[in-house]
Amino acid sequence: YRLAHQPAAPDRLVDPAGLHAAFSRGARHRQNPWTRLLWIGTDSGAALFAAGMRYSCSRDLARTVCDPARLELIDRRPAHAETELLCQLLIDGHLYLETGE
């Protein structure tokens, strides 16, 4: 599987505090249209694949990241490990934050 375009990192790096601040301002996660997302279950949770890169996470988070409707609804304070992974997916360009501005 090859990408037509490589996902681009955001202009500013995202950390957990910045992510929580963005949520409080009404930002929503969106999938990068150039990234193919899928997951498989593992003994310890799930392996999430984003454009061929593997990330370990919970099954619930993997389902959420791979489903645009569920992803849009993340507006709570995710667990620390989930926040770290969401930040990494944003930094790697597989997700982006859409604001109402």
C-alpha atoms as a PDB file:
ATOM      1  CA  TYR A   1       0.000   0.000   0.000  1.00  0.00           C
ATOM      2  CA  ARG A   2       1.440   3.362  -1.015  1.00  0.00           C
ATOM      3  CA  LEU A   3       0.239   6.836  -0.206  1.00  0.00           C
ATOM      4  CA  ALA A   4      -0.369   9.427  -2.887  1.00  0.00           C
ATOM      5  CA  HIS A   5       0.764  12.035  -0.363  1.00  0.00           C
ATOM      6  CA  GLN A   6       2.697  11.756   2.890  1.00  0.00           C
ATOM      7  CA  PRO A   7       0.747  13.019   5.928  1.00  0.00           C
ATOM      8  CA  ALA A   8       2.087  16.365   7.076  1.00  0.00           C
ATOM      9  CA  ALA A   9       2.725  17.314  10.664  1.00  0.00           C
ATOM     10  CA  PRO A  10       0.748  20.251  12.061  1.00  0.00           C
ATOM     11  CA  ASP A  11       2.235  23.741  12.111  1.00  0.00           C
ATOM     12  CA  ARG A  12       2.500  23.527  15.893  1.00  0.00           C
ATOM     13  CA  LEU A  13       3.261  20.383  17.856  1.00  0.00           C
ATOM     14  CA  VAL A  14       0.432  19.173  20.063  1.00  0.00           C
ATOM     15  CA  ASP A  15       0.946  18.125  23.666  1.00  0.00           C
ATOM     16  CA  PRO A  16      -1.676  16.796  26.131  1.00  0.00           C
ATOM     17  CA  ALA A  17      -2.305  20.239  27.660  1.00  0.00           C
ATOM     18  CA  GLY A  18      -2.765  21.765  24.214  1.00  0.00           C
ATOM     19  CA  LEU A  19      -5.093  18.951  23.205  1.00  0.00           C
ATOM     20  CA  HIS A  20      -7.282  19.445  26.293  1.00  0.00           C
ATOM     21  CA  ALA A  21      -7.339  23.199  25.645  1.00  0.00           C
ATOM     22  CA  ALA A  22      -8.406  22.564  22.031  1.00  0.00           C
ATOM     23  CA  PHE A  23     -11.215  20.271  23.232  1.00  0.00           C
ATOM     24  CA  SER A  24     -12.409  22.963  25.655  1.00  0.00           C
ATOM     25  CA  ARG A  25     -12.602  25.404  22.703  1.00  0.00           C
ATOM     26  CA  GLY A  26     -14.763  22.954  20.765  1.00  0.00           C
ATOM     27  CA  ALA A  27     -12.143  21.380  18.488  1.00  0.00           C
ATOM     28  CA  ARG A  28     -12.867  17.961  17.019  1.00  0.00           C
ATOM     29  CA  HIS A  29     -10.569  15.261  15.695  1.00  0.00           C
ATOM     30  CA  ARG A  30     -10.751  14.414  12.012  1.00  0.00           C
ATOM     31  CA  GLN A  31      -8.994  11.715   9.992  1.00  0.00           C
ATOM     32  CA  ASN A  32      -6.465  12.823   7.427  1.00  0.00           C
ATOM     33  CA  PRO A  33      -8.036  11.832   4.080  1.00  0.00           C
ATOM     34  CA  TRP A  34      -4.647  10.514   2.894  1.00  0.00           C
ATOM     35  CA  THR A  35      -4.256   8.137   5.844  1.00  0.00           C
ATOM     36  CA  ARG A  36      -5.707   4.658   5.818  1.00  0.00           C
ATOM     37  CA  LEU A  37      -6.619   3.567   9.359  1.00  0.00           C
ATOM     38  CA  LEU A  38      -7.354   0.057  10.594  1.00  0.00           C
ATOM     39  CA  TRP A  39      -6.811  -2.024  13.707  1.00  0.00           C
ATOM     40  CA  ILE A  40      -6.571  -5.592  14.933  1.00  0.00           C
ATOM     41  CA  GLY A  41      -7.065  -6.991  18.405  1.00  0.00           C
ATOM     42  CA  THR A  42      -4.044  -8.185  20.367  1.00  0.00           C
ATOM     43  CA  ASP A  43      -3.615  -9.924  23.714  1.00  0.00           C
ATOM     44  CA  SER A  44      -2.912  -6.575  25.365  1.00  0.00           C
ATOM     45  CA  GLY A  45      -5.510  -4.468  23.536  1.00  0.00           C
ATOM     46  CA  ALA A  46      -5.147  -3.426  19.922  1.00  0.00           C
ATOM     47  CA  ALA A  47      -2.638  -2.625  17.224  1.00  0.00           C
ATOM     48  CA  LEU A  48      -3.724   0.490  15.353  1.00  0.00           C
ATOM     49  CA  PHE A  49      -2.237   1.005  11.901  1.00  0.00           C
ATOM     50  CA  ALA A  50      -2.119   4.450  10.314  1.00  0.00           C
ATOM     51  CA  ALA A  51      -0.628   4.490   6.821  1.00  0.00           C
ATOM     52  CA  GLY A  52       1.407   1.415   7.742  1.00  0.00           C
ATOM     53  CA  MET A  53       2.701   2.762  11.066  1.00  0.00           C
ATOM     54  CA  ARG A  54       1.801   0.624  14.098  1.00  0.00           C
ATOM     55  CA  TYR A  55       0.586   2.069  17.407  1.00  0.00           C
ATOM     56  CA  SER A  56      -0.473   0.137  20.530  1.00  0.00           C
ATOM     57  CA  CYS A  57      -3.678   1.195  22.272  1.00  0.00           C
ATOM     58  CA  SER A  58      -6.918  -0.033  23.811  1.00  0.00           C
ATOM     59  CA  ARG A  59      -9.516  -1.668  21.587  1.00  0.00           C
ATOM     60  CA  ASP A  60     -11.962   1.101  22.373  1.00  0.00           C
ATOM     61  CA  LEU A  61      -9.539   3.811  21.258  1.00  0.00           C
ATOM     62  CA  ALA A  62      -8.671   1.859  18.103  1.00  0.00           C
ATOM     63  CA  ARG A  63     -12.371   1.558  17.229  1.00  0.00           C
ATOM     64  CA  THR A  64     -12.834   5.266  17.871  1.00  0.00           C
ATOM     65  CA  VAL A  65      -9.864   6.420  15.784  1.00  0.00           C
ATOM     66  CA  CYS A  66     -10.925   4.233  12.846  1.00  0.00           C
ATOM     67  CA  ASP A  67     -14.567   5.387  12.899  1.00  0.00           C
ATOM     68  CA  PRO A  68     -14.998   9.043  11.811  1.00  0.00           C
ATOM     69  CA  ALA A  69     -18.369   9.356  13.588  1.00  0.00           C
ATOM     70  CA  ARG A  70     -16.935   8.137  16.904  1.00  0.00           C
ATOM     71  CA  LEU A  71     -13.736  10.143  16.462  1.00  0.00           C
ATOM     72  CA  GLU A  72     -15.713  13.352  16.078  1.00  0.00           C
ATOM     73  CA  LEU A  73     -17.353  12.780  19.464  1.00  0.00           C
ATOM     74  CA  ILE A  74     -14.144  12.737  21.519  1.00  0.00           C
ATOM     75  CA  ASP A  75     -14.698  15.811  23.651  1.00  0.00           C
ATOM     76  CA  ARG A  76     -13.908  14.476  27.075  1.00  0.00           C
ATOM     77  CA  ARG A  77     -10.567  14.147  28.830  1.00  0.00           C
ATOM     78  CA  PRO A  78      -9.224  10.839  27.552  1.00  0.00           C
ATOM     79  CA  ALA A  79      -6.996   8.697  29.752  1.00  0.00           C
ATOM     80  CA  HIS A  80      -3.329   9.738  29.772  1.00  0.00           C
ATOM     81  CA  ALA A  81      -2.207   6.916  27.450  1.00  0.00           C
ATOM     82  CA  GLU A  82      -5.020   7.739  25.019  1.00  0.00           C
ATOM     83  CA  THR A  83      -4.131  11.425  25.070  1.00  0.00           C
ATOM     84  CA  GLU A  84      -0.490  10.606  24.351  1.00  0.00           C
ATOM     85  CA  LEU A  85      -1.473   8.460  21.355  1.00  0.00           C
ATOM     86  CA  LEU A  86      -3.920  11.062  20.025  1.00  0.00           C
ATOM     87  CA  CYS A  87      -1.129  13.659  20.241  1.00  0.00           C
ATOM     88  CA  GLN A  88       1.251  11.334  18.403  1.00  0.00           C
ATOM     89  CA  LEU A  89      -1.312  10.689  15.648  1.00  0.00           C
ATOM     90  CA  LEU A  90      -1.765  14.456  15.306  1.00  0.00           C
ATOM     91  CA  ILE A  91       1.996  15.044  15.192  1.00  0.00           C
ATOM     92  CA  ASP A  92       2.436  12.275  12.618  1.00  0.00           C
ATOM     93  CA  GLY A  93      -0.276  13.889  10.474  1.00  0.00           C
ATOM     94  CA  HIS A  94      -2.765  11.004  10.573  1.00  0.00           C
ATOM     95  CA  LEU A  95      -5.340  13.079  12.461  1.00  0.00           C
ATOM     96  CA  TYR A  96      -5.984  16.800  12.554  1.00  0.00           C
ATOM     97  CA  LEU A  97      -8.005  19.132  14.757  1.00  0.00           C
ATOM     98  CA  GLU A  98     -10.897  21.011  13.234  1.00  0.00           C
ATOM     99  CA  THR A  99     -12.012  24.101  15.076  1.00  0.00           C
ATOM    100  CA  GLY A 100     -15.279  25.940  14.790  1.00  0.00           C
ATOM    101  CA  GLU A 101     -13.448  29.167  14.005  1.00  0.00           C
END
